[in-house]
Amino acid sequence: MVAVTTNSAQFLFQMPQPIADPRVFLTDLFHIAVQKADPMEVIAQHLPERPKGRLFVIGAGKASARMAEAVEAAYGPCEGFVITRYGYARPCQGIEIVEAAHPVPDQAGVDATKRMLELVKDLGPDDTVLALISGGGSALLCAPIEGLTLEDKQAVNATLLASGAPIGDMNVVRPMLSQVKGGRLAAACHPAKVISLLISDVPGDDPAEIASGPTCPSKSSPQIALEVLDRHGIVLDPKVTDLLKSQDPDPITEMPEGDKLTIVAAPSQSLAAAAELAEQHGCEVRLLGDAIEGEARDLGAAQAQMALDIQAKMASDAKPVLLLSGGECTVTRTGNGVGGPNAEYTLSVALTLNGQSGIHALACDTDGVDGAAEVAGSYTGPTTLTDNGYSRETAETALIENDAHRYFDKVGGQIVTGPTLTNVNDFRALLILPQG
């Protein structure tokens, strides 16, 4: 018997054993994926020897407080200032942790970012900054360029999130409207050396896209940002687009000598850990990719059809097949419901499978929050469309109204973990059992 502990739950499973309960099995895989990206598991091995001079720790993101906790577990008490999402703070010995809003910034984020910039402005060439960056940092680090207000930035973020644009394109626009993104936070720390440790939540693990790259050279420019808005048909307040058009295109494009960037956890590592566990349970694992993007409901339909095609060719004594994928899907909001990309994916899977026996799916965000809801994601099985007296028509309406979370709440399909204190993007698993 092996026990695995995460921040939110402890669960037990036996290895190797046949899969007795598909929902428990898929949930165990998700927890293993989260545990693999726990900062307490990964930070220490990437820390250099503690600098002899002044060390100042900064950070932003959903995992940043846990990262700070891990740093102090290795170094002892440190001086520093870290911004994380409401509910994600961790006890630290010397590093100050403050909380702000995500995914749309608030005044607490503005005030915290201003304070961080004040704290680093007098650092010297013999000082070292350890920057702890993870997904969510883009909203938490909020310092609008001159001419924009917090309300302007809130409107921009809300519009981008509702547009269905991939995260990489959002992170092309955001740095051009910020005083800290696109390498500008690192520039504010200089002449101190900046060592950045990052937990990736973006397809392809591009450091410039993680939290919009506050310590990484930018790949954007005002013109590129305008092209992205045009390509996706995103209409912002004319004041915002006028500022983009009038900006001097001076992004930070090179990393100063001495600065370093290291990705300490990434989606591929978490999927590999889940795959290893699944193989120990006798599954044939097929990794579909760790950087899949696109509309959540379209991906759900496509992967569900793939599962149906695989099952149709399986012998009755074949191994179970597990399809694993990661990345970050998007939702184009057309309704007024409560939904998120993982819930929409899973609901689309359920509708495509239409009660087919032997196929089960789970999709969750590894940070424990799928979209705006305090739910990690959802599970679907053969009875999802009929549980608790509901019908296929009810599920179809929920998908149209972007109301997948409410649907899974009613049928008992939600996966609730609470804050996981890490963030390596979405986790999707489809289990295919042979018929007969």
Protein backbone atom coordinates (compact mmCIF):
# COMPACT_ATOMS: atom_id res chain seq x y z
CA MET A 1 0.00 0.00 0.00
CA VAL A 2 1.42 3.38 -1.01
CA ALA A 3 0.23 6.70 0.44
CA VAL A 4 0.54 9.91 -1.56
CA THR A 5 -0.02 13.28 0.08
CA THR A 6 -0.87 16.56 -1.62
CA ASN A 7 -1.73 19.92 -0.05
CA SER A 8 -5.43 19.21 -0.29
CA ALA A 9 -5.87 15.51 0.21
CA GLN A 10 -4.37 12.18 1.15
CA PHE A 11 -5.34 9.15 -0.86
CA LEU A 12 -4.34 5.51 -1.05
CA PHE A 13 -3.91 3.14 -3.94
CA GLN A 14 -2.38 -0.27 -4.56
CA MET A 15 0.16 -1.03 -7.26
CA PRO A 16 -0.04 -2.92 -9.47
CA GLN A 17 -3.75 -3.75 -9.34
CA PRO A 18 -6.59 -3.81 -11.84
CA ILE A 19 -8.54 -0.55 -12.06
CA ALA A 20 -11.43 -1.08 -9.68
CA ASP A 21 -12.88 2.45 -9.79
CA PRO A 22 -12.10 4.55 -12.88
CA ARG A 23 -12.96 7.84 -11.16
CA VAL A 24 -10.65 7.13 -8.21
CA PHE A 25 -7.92 5.99 -10.60
CA LEU A 26 -8.12 9.13 -12.75
CA THR A 27 -8.21 11.34 -9.66
CA ASP A 28 -5.11 9.60 -8.32
CA LEU A 29 -3.33 10.33 -11.60
CA PHE A 30 -4.23 14.01 -11.28
CA HIS A 31 -2.91 14.19 -7.72
CA ILE A 32 0.36 12.55 -8.77
CA ALA A 33 0.71 15.15 -11.53
CA VAL A 34 0.15 17.95 -9.00
CA GLN A 35 2.57 16.47 -6.50
CA LYS A 36 5.29 16.27 -9.17
CA ALA A 37 5.05 20.07 -9.53
CA ASP A 38 4.92 20.88 -5.81
CA PRO A 39 7.56 23.58 -5.17
CA MET A 40 8.56 21.78 -1.98
CA GLU A 41 9.54 18.85 -4.20
CA VAL A 42 11.40 20.72 -6.94
CA ILE A 43 12.86 24.04 -5.73
CA ALA A 44 15.78 22.88 -3.58
CA GLN A 45 17.55 21.01 -6.38
CA HIS A 46 17.66 24.18 -8.51
CA LEU A 47 18.90 26.61 -5.87
CA PRO A 48 22.50 27.81 -6.11
CA GLU A 49 24.64 28.06 -3.01
CA ARG A 50 23.26 30.91 -0.95
CA PRO A 51 24.97 34.15 -2.03
CA LYS A 52 27.38 35.68 0.48
CA GLY A 53 26.05 39.19 -0.16
CA ARG A 54 22.54 40.48 0.23
CA LEU A 55 19.85 38.15 -1.07
CA PHE A 56 16.40 39.58 -1.79
CA VAL A 57 13.56 37.24 -2.81
CA ILE A 58 10.70 38.49 -4.98
CA GLY A 59 7.90 36.55 -6.61
CA ALA A 60 4.49 36.55 -8.20
CA GLY A 61 2.06 33.82 -9.15
CA LYS A 62 -0.23 31.16 -7.76
CA ALA A 63 2.75 29.00 -6.76
CA SER A 64 5.02 31.84 -5.62
CA ALA A 65 4.24 31.68 -1.88
CA ARG A 66 4.83 27.92 -1.84
CA MET A 67 8.05 28.54 -3.78
CA ALA A 68 9.12 31.07 -1.14
CA GLU A 69 8.35 28.55 1.58
CA ALA A 70 10.54 26.02 -0.24
CA VAL A 71 13.38 28.54 -0.57
CA GLU A 72 13.37 29.21 3.16
CA ALA A 73 13.23 25.47 3.87
CA ALA A 74 16.58 25.28 2.06
CA TYR A 75 18.20 28.62 2.93
CA GLY A 76 16.62 29.55 6.24
CA PRO A 77 14.96 32.95 6.80
CA CYS A 78 15.26 35.31 3.81
CA GLU A 79 14.43 38.91 3.10
CA GLY A 80 11.81 39.35 0.41
CA PHE A 81 8.37 40.22 -0.90
CA VAL A 82 6.04 37.89 -2.82
CA ILE A 83 2.56 38.40 -4.31
CA THR A 84 0.17 35.47 -4.62
CA ARG A 85 -3.52 34.82 -5.23
CA TYR A 86 -6.07 35.21 -2.45
CA GLY A 87 -6.08 31.98 -0.44
CA TYR A 88 -2.63 30.85 -1.66
CA ALA A 89 -0.42 32.40 1.05
CA ARG A 90 2.04 30.24 2.96
CA PRO A 91 3.82 30.84 6.28
CA CYS A 92 7.34 32.15 5.72
CA GLN A 93 10.04 33.09 8.23
CA GLY A 94 11.30 36.29 6.66
CA ILE A 95 9.73 36.71 3.23
CA GLU A 96 6.60 38.82 3.32
CA ILE A 97 3.64 37.29 1.49
CA VAL A 98 0.77 39.47 0.25
CA GLU A 99 -2.37 38.42 -1.61
CA ALA A 100 -4.19 39.99 -4.54
CA ALA A 101 -6.81 39.13 -7.14
CA HIS A 102 -6.59 36.71 -10.06
CA PRO A 103 -7.46 36.48 -12.97
CA VAL A 104 -8.57 40.12 -13.05
CA PRO A 105 -6.25 42.44 -11.06
CA ASP A 106 -7.39 44.58 -8.14
CA GLN A 107 -6.10 47.51 -6.09
CA ALA A 108 -4.26 45.15 -3.73
CA GLY A 109 -2.21 43.95 -6.69
CA VAL A 110 -1.46 47.52 -7.77
CA ASP A 111 -0.36 48.48 -4.26
CA ALA A 112 1.74 45.34 -3.84
CA THR A 113 3.49 45.79 -7.18
CA LYS A 114 4.29 49.41 -6.34
CA ARG A 115 5.77 48.30 -3.04
CA MET A 116 7.87 45.60 -4.71
CA LEU A 117 9.33 48.17 -7.10
CA GLU A 118 10.15 50.44 -4.14
CA LEU A 119 11.90 47.60 -2.32
CA VAL A 120 14.20 46.69 -5.23
CA LYS A 121 15.09 50.16 -6.50
CA ASP A 122 18.14 50.61 -4.24
CA LEU A 123 19.76 47.21 -4.83
CA GLY A 124 23.41 47.31 -5.85
CA PRO A 125 25.76 45.31 -8.08
CA ASP A 126 26.82 43.02 -5.21
CA ASP A 127 23.22 42.04 -4.41
CA THR A 128 21.30 39.05 -5.72
CA VAL A 129 17.59 38.88 -6.47
CA LEU A 130 15.92 35.47 -6.48
CA ALA A 131 12.72 35.81 -8.53
CA LEU A 132 10.04 33.14 -8.06
CA ILE A 133 7.62 33.29 -10.99
CA SER A 134 4.63 31.10 -11.81
CA GLY A 135 1.37 31.23 -13.70
CA GLY A 136 -1.03 33.85 -12.44
CA GLY A 137 1.74 36.40 -12.00
CA SER A 138 0.50 38.39 -14.97
CA ALA A 139 -2.64 39.49 -13.09
CA LEU A 140 -0.95 39.74 -9.69
CA LEU A 141 1.84 42.04 -10.94
CA CYS A 142 -0.20 45.08 -11.89
CA ALA A 143 1.55 48.34 -12.81
CA PRO A 144 -0.22 49.95 -15.78
CA ILE A 145 1.77 52.16 -18.12
CA GLU A 146 1.27 55.89 -17.80
CA GLY A 147 -2.16 56.85 -19.12
CA LEU A 148 -3.92 53.66 -17.98
CA THR A 149 -5.81 53.12 -14.74
CA LEU A 150 -6.53 49.94 -12.79
CA GLU A 151 -10.03 49.99 -14.23
CA ASP A 152 -8.56 50.09 -17.73
CA LYS A 153 -6.35 47.07 -16.97
CA GLN A 154 -9.29 45.20 -15.44
CA ALA A 155 -11.31 45.78 -18.60
CA VAL A 156 -8.42 44.64 -20.80
CA ASN A 157 -7.92 41.44 -18.78
CA ALA A 158 -11.62 40.62 -18.76
CA THR A 159 -11.87 41.15 -22.52
CA LEU A 160 -8.80 39.02 -23.25
CA LEU A 161 -10.05 36.20 -21.01
CA ALA A 162 -13.46 36.14 -22.73
CA SER A 163 -12.03 36.32 -26.26
CA GLY A 164 -10.92 32.71 -26.60
CA ALA A 165 -7.41 33.85 -27.59
CA PRO A 166 -4.62 31.45 -26.56
CA ILE A 167 -2.54 32.40 -23.53
CA GLY A 168 0.52 33.05 -25.70
CA ASP A 169 -1.32 35.76 -27.61
CA MET A 170 -2.66 37.31 -24.40
CA ASN A 171 0.90 37.48 -23.13
CA VAL A 172 1.95 39.40 -26.23
CA VAL A 173 -0.52 42.17 -25.42
CA ARG A 174 -0.08 42.40 -21.65
CA PRO A 175 3.63 43.38 -21.52
CA MET A 176 3.01 46.38 -23.77
CA LEU A 177 0.57 47.81 -21.20
CA SER A 178 2.74 47.20 -18.14
CA GLN A 179 5.69 48.70 -16.29
CA VAL A 180 6.83 45.31 -14.95
CA LYS A 181 6.12 42.66 -17.60
CA GLY A 182 8.34 41.79 -20.56
CA GLY A 183 11.57 41.94 -18.54
CA ARG A 184 10.86 45.28 -16.90
CA LEU A 185 10.72 43.88 -13.35
CA ALA A 186 14.24 42.49 -13.77
CA ALA A 187 15.35 45.83 -15.20
CA ALA A 188 14.01 47.52 -12.05
CA CYS A 189 16.22 45.23 -9.94
CA HIS A 190 19.45 46.01 -11.79
CA PRO A 191 22.33 46.44 -11.22
CA ALA A 192 21.65 43.47 -8.91
CA LYS A 193 21.96 40.03 -10.48
CA VAL A 194 18.57 38.36 -11.04
CA ILE A 195 18.19 34.59 -10.77
CA SER A 196 14.70 33.49 -11.85
CA LEU A 197 13.09 30.15 -10.98
CA LEU A 198 9.91 29.52 -12.95
CA ILE A 199 7.06 27.04 -12.84
CA SER A 200 5.61 26.80 -16.33
CA ASP A 201 1.90 26.91 -17.05
CA VAL A 202 2.18 27.79 -20.73
CA PRO A 203 2.28 25.59 -23.84
CA GLY A 204 5.89 25.20 -24.94
CA ASP A 205 7.33 26.44 -21.60
CA ASP A 206 8.45 29.75 -23.09
CA PRO A 207 9.78 31.88 -20.17
CA ALA A 208 8.61 35.03 -21.95
CA GLU A 209 5.02 33.80 -21.63
CA ILE A 210 5.08 32.62 -18.01
CA ALA A 211 3.33 35.43 -16.10
CA SER A 212 4.03 37.61 -19.17
CA GLY A 213 7.78 37.34 -18.54
CA PRO A 214 8.52 39.93 -15.80
CA THR A 215 12.17 38.84 -15.65
CA CYS A 216 12.54 37.60 -19.22
CA PRO A 217 13.35 39.56 -22.39
CA SER A 218 10.22 40.36 -24.36
CA LYS A 219 9.20 38.91 -27.72
CA SER A 220 6.51 41.53 -28.16
CA SER A 221 6.21 45.10 -29.33
CA PRO A 222 3.32 47.55 -29.63
CA GLN A 223 2.89 46.62 -33.29
CA ILE A 224 2.82 42.88 -32.56
CA ALA A 225 0.27 43.47 -29.80
CA LEU A 226 -1.97 45.39 -32.19
CA GLU A 227 -1.69 42.62 -34.77
CA VAL A 228 -2.82 40.06 -32.16
CA LEU A 229 -5.85 42.14 -31.25
CA ASP A 230 -6.78 42.48 -34.91
CA ARG A 231 -6.31 38.78 -35.64
CA HIS A 232 -8.68 37.74 -32.86
CA GLY A 233 -11.16 40.55 -33.42
CA ILE A 234 -10.57 41.84 -29.89
CA VAL A 235 -11.94 45.35 -29.43
CA LEU A 236 -10.45 47.30 -26.52
CA ASP A 237 -11.23 50.78 -25.31
CA PRO A 238 -9.89 53.26 -27.91
CA LYS A 239 -7.74 54.81 -25.18
CA VAL A 240 -5.86 51.51 -24.85
CA THR A 241 -5.31 51.01 -28.56
CA ASP A 242 -4.28 54.66 -28.97
CA LEU A 243 -1.63 54.20 -26.28
CA LEU A 244 -0.34 51.08 -28.04
CA LYS A 245 -0.11 52.98 -31.33
CA SER A 246 1.74 55.89 -29.74
CA GLN A 247 4.20 53.88 -27.66
CA ASP A 248 7.89 54.02 -28.40
CA PRO A 249 8.67 50.40 -29.37
CA ASP A 250 11.46 49.82 -26.84
CA PRO A 251 10.92 46.32 -25.41
CA ILE A 252 13.73 44.69 -23.45
CA THR A 253 15.07 42.11 -25.88
CA GLU A 254 18.30 40.88 -24.25
CA MET A 255 19.03 39.40 -20.85
CA PRO A 256 21.79 41.20 -18.94
CA GLU A 257 25.00 39.31 -18.33
CA GLY A 258 24.81 37.40 -15.05
CA ASP A 259 21.04 36.99 -15.00
CA LYS A 260 19.72 33.42 -15.20
CA LEU A 261 16.37 31.73 -15.92
CA THR A 262 15.51 28.15 -14.89
CA ILE A 263 12.23 26.28 -15.30
CA VAL A 264 11.90 24.04 -12.23
CA ALA A 265 8.57 22.37 -13.05
CA ALA A 266 6.68 21.94 -16.30
CA PRO A 267 3.59 20.15 -17.64
CA SER A 268 5.66 17.45 -19.35
CA GLN A 269 7.13 16.30 -16.02
CA SER A 270 3.70 16.03 -14.40
CA LEU A 271 2.26 14.07 -17.33
CA ALA A 272 5.25 11.71 -17.23
CA ALA A 273 4.63 11.01 -13.53
CA ALA A 274 0.96 10.24 -14.25
CA ALA A 275 1.94 8.01 -17.17
CA GLU A 276 4.33 6.03 -14.99
CA LEU A 277 1.63 5.36 -12.41
CA ALA A 278 -0.86 4.37 -15.11
CA GLU A 279 1.60 1.90 -16.59
CA GLN A 280 2.03 0.35 -13.15
CA HIS A 281 -1.73 -0.25 -13.23
CA GLY A 282 -1.39 -2.10 -16.52
CA CYS A 283 -2.41 0.69 -18.90
CA GLU A 284 -1.10 1.36 -22.36
CA VAL A 285 -0.39 5.09 -22.17
CA ARG A 286 -0.58 7.38 -25.17
CA LEU A 287 0.74 10.89 -24.58
CA LEU A 288 -1.04 13.28 -26.92
CA GLY A 289 1.11 16.30 -26.01
CA ASP A 290 1.72 18.71 -23.16
CA ALA A 291 1.09 21.91 -25.13
CA ILE A 292 -2.33 21.41 -26.71
CA GLU A 293 -4.36 24.57 -27.25
CA GLY A 294 -7.72 25.35 -28.81
CA GLU A 295 -11.37 25.70 -27.91
CA ALA A 296 -12.09 23.40 -24.97
CA ARG A 297 -15.35 21.97 -26.31
CA ASP A 298 -13.79 21.25 -29.73
CA LEU A 299 -10.86 19.41 -28.15
CA GLY A 300 -13.24 17.43 -25.93
CA ALA A 301 -15.26 16.27 -28.92
CA ALA A 302 -12.14 15.35 -30.90
CA GLN A 303 -10.49 13.37 -28.09
CA ALA A 304 -13.75 11.61 -27.21
CA GLN A 305 -14.13 10.51 -30.82
CA MET A 306 -10.53 9.28 -30.72
CA ALA A 307 -11.42 7.21 -27.64
CA LEU A 308 -14.46 5.72 -29.38
CA ASP A 309 -12.36 4.76 -32.39
CA ILE A 310 -9.72 3.13 -30.17
CA GLN A 311 -12.28 1.18 -28.16
CA ALA A 312 -13.96 -0.12 -31.33
CA LYS A 313 -10.68 -1.82 -32.33
CA MET A 314 -9.79 -3.24 -28.91
CA ALA A 315 -9.91 -6.96 -28.21
CA SER A 316 -11.94 -8.00 -25.17
CA ASP A 317 -8.76 -8.91 -23.29
CA ALA A 318 -6.76 -5.84 -24.33
CA LYS A 319 -4.98 -3.58 -21.87
CA PRO A 320 -6.81 -0.42 -20.84
CA VAL A 321 -5.67 2.56 -22.91
CA LEU A 322 -5.03 5.93 -21.29
CA LEU A 323 -4.89 9.13 -23.32
CA LEU A 324 -3.01 11.89 -21.50
CA SER A 325 -2.65 15.50 -22.56
CA GLY A 326 -1.82 18.91 -21.19
CA GLY A 327 -1.74 22.48 -22.40
CA GLU A 328 -4.20 25.30 -21.99
CA CYS A 329 -7.57 25.30 -23.69
CA THR A 330 -9.69 28.39 -24.04
CA VAL A 331 -13.37 29.24 -23.78
CA THR A 332 -15.08 31.80 -25.95
CA ARG A 333 -17.88 33.07 -23.74
CA THR A 334 -21.29 33.29 -25.40
CA GLY A 335 -23.46 32.51 -22.36
CA ASN A 336 -23.77 33.73 -18.79
CA GLY A 337 -23.17 30.48 -16.93
CA VAL A 338 -20.42 29.32 -14.58
CA GLY A 339 -17.85 27.38 -16.55
CA GLY A 340 -14.18 26.81 -17.18
CA PRO A 341 -12.09 25.19 -19.90
CA ASN A 342 -11.71 21.85 -18.13
CA ALA A 343 -15.39 21.58 -17.30
CA GLU A 344 -16.33 22.51 -20.88
CA TYR A 345 -13.88 19.92 -22.20
CA THR A 346 -15.33 17.20 -19.99
CA LEU A 347 -18.93 18.10 -20.77
CA SER A 348 -18.12 17.99 -24.49
CA VAL A 349 -16.53 14.56 -23.97
CA ALA A 350 -19.70 13.35 -22.24
CA LEU A 351 -21.92 14.58 -25.06
CA THR A 352 -19.75 12.97 -27.72
CA LEU A 353 -19.53 9.64 -25.86
CA ASN A 354 -23.30 9.74 -25.23
CA GLY A 355 -23.22 7.12 -22.47
CA GLN A 356 -20.77 4.73 -24.13
CA SER A 357 -19.70 2.14 -21.58
CA GLY A 358 -16.07 1.67 -20.62
CA ILE A 359 -14.83 5.21 -21.34
CA HIS A 360 -14.14 7.68 -18.54
CA ALA A 361 -12.53 11.13 -18.56
CA LEU A 362 -11.18 13.70 -16.13
CA ALA A 363 -9.92 17.21 -16.80
CA CYS A 364 -8.59 19.54 -14.10
CA ASP A 365 -6.46 22.63 -13.74
CA THR A 366 -3.37 21.79 -11.70
CA ASP A 367 -3.73 25.01 -9.69
CA GLY A 368 -7.03 23.75 -8.29
CA VAL A 369 -9.15 26.42 -9.98
CA ASP A 370 -10.78 25.88 -13.37
CA GLY A 371 -11.51 29.34 -14.67
CA ALA A 372 -13.32 31.56 -12.20
CA ALA A 373 -14.83 28.74 -10.16
CA GLU A 374 -13.23 27.33 -6.99
CA VAL A 375 -13.32 23.87 -8.56
CA ALA A 376 -10.35 22.08 -10.12
CA GLY A 377 -12.33 20.43 -12.89
CA SER A 378 -14.66 17.50 -13.51
CA TYR A 379 -15.08 13.79 -14.20
CA THR A 380 -17.40 12.12 -16.67
CA GLY A 381 -18.40 8.49 -17.05
CA PRO A 382 -21.06 6.47 -18.87
CA THR A 383 -23.92 7.76 -16.66
CA THR A 384 -23.00 11.46 -16.57
CA LEU A 385 -25.80 12.51 -18.94
CA THR A 386 -28.47 10.71 -16.90
CA ASP A 387 -27.26 11.02 -13.28
CA ASN A 388 -29.76 12.52 -10.82
CA GLY A 389 -32.52 12.51 -13.41
CA TYR A 390 -30.83 14.87 -15.85
CA SER A 391 -30.89 14.43 -19.60
CA ARG A 392 -28.72 14.98 -22.64
CA GLU A 393 -30.74 18.09 -23.44
CA THR A 394 -29.82 19.58 -20.06
CA ALA A 395 -26.13 18.97 -20.78
CA GLU A 396 -26.40 20.50 -24.24
CA THR A 397 -27.99 23.62 -22.81
CA ALA A 398 -25.27 23.87 -20.15
CA LEU A 399 -22.58 23.77 -22.82
CA ILE A 400 -24.31 26.44 -24.91
CA GLU A 401 -24.64 28.69 -21.85
CA ASN A 402 -21.03 28.13 -20.67
CA ASP A 403 -22.56 26.59 -17.55
CA ALA A 404 -20.57 23.35 -17.27
CA HIS A 405 -19.60 23.82 -13.62
CA ARG A 406 -23.20 24.07 -12.52
CA TYR A 407 -24.04 20.96 -14.52
CA PHE A 408 -21.27 18.87 -12.95
CA ASP A 409 -22.22 20.18 -9.52
CA LYS A 410 -25.75 18.84 -10.05
CA VAL A 411 -24.64 15.40 -11.31
CA GLY A 412 -21.83 14.97 -8.79
CA GLY A 413 -18.97 15.20 -11.27
CA GLN A 414 -16.93 18.06 -9.80
CA ILE A 415 -13.34 17.56 -8.65
CA VAL A 416 -12.60 19.89 -5.73
CA THR A 417 -9.09 20.08 -4.28
CA GLY A 418 -8.74 23.60 -2.92
CA PRO A 419 -5.57 25.55 -3.75
CA THR A 420 -2.81 23.15 -4.82
CA LEU A 421 -0.11 25.86 -4.48
CA THR A 422 1.36 25.06 -7.88
CA ASN A 423 0.38 25.55 -11.51
CA VAL A 424 1.52 23.51 -14.51
CA ASN A 425 -1.54 23.98 -16.65
CA ASP A 426 -4.39 21.65 -17.50
CA PHE A 427 -4.38 17.88 -16.95
CA ARG A 428 -6.61 15.72 -19.14
CA ALA A 429 -7.01 11.94 -19.02
CA LEU A 430 -9.28 9.59 -20.97
CA LEU A 431 -9.45 5.97 -19.79
CA ILE A 432 -10.62 3.45 -22.38
CA LEU A 433 -11.60 -0.04 -21.19
CA PRO A 434 -12.26 -2.91 -23.60
CA GLN A 435 -15.85 -3.97 -24.26
CA GLY A 436 -17.10 -7.39 -23.23
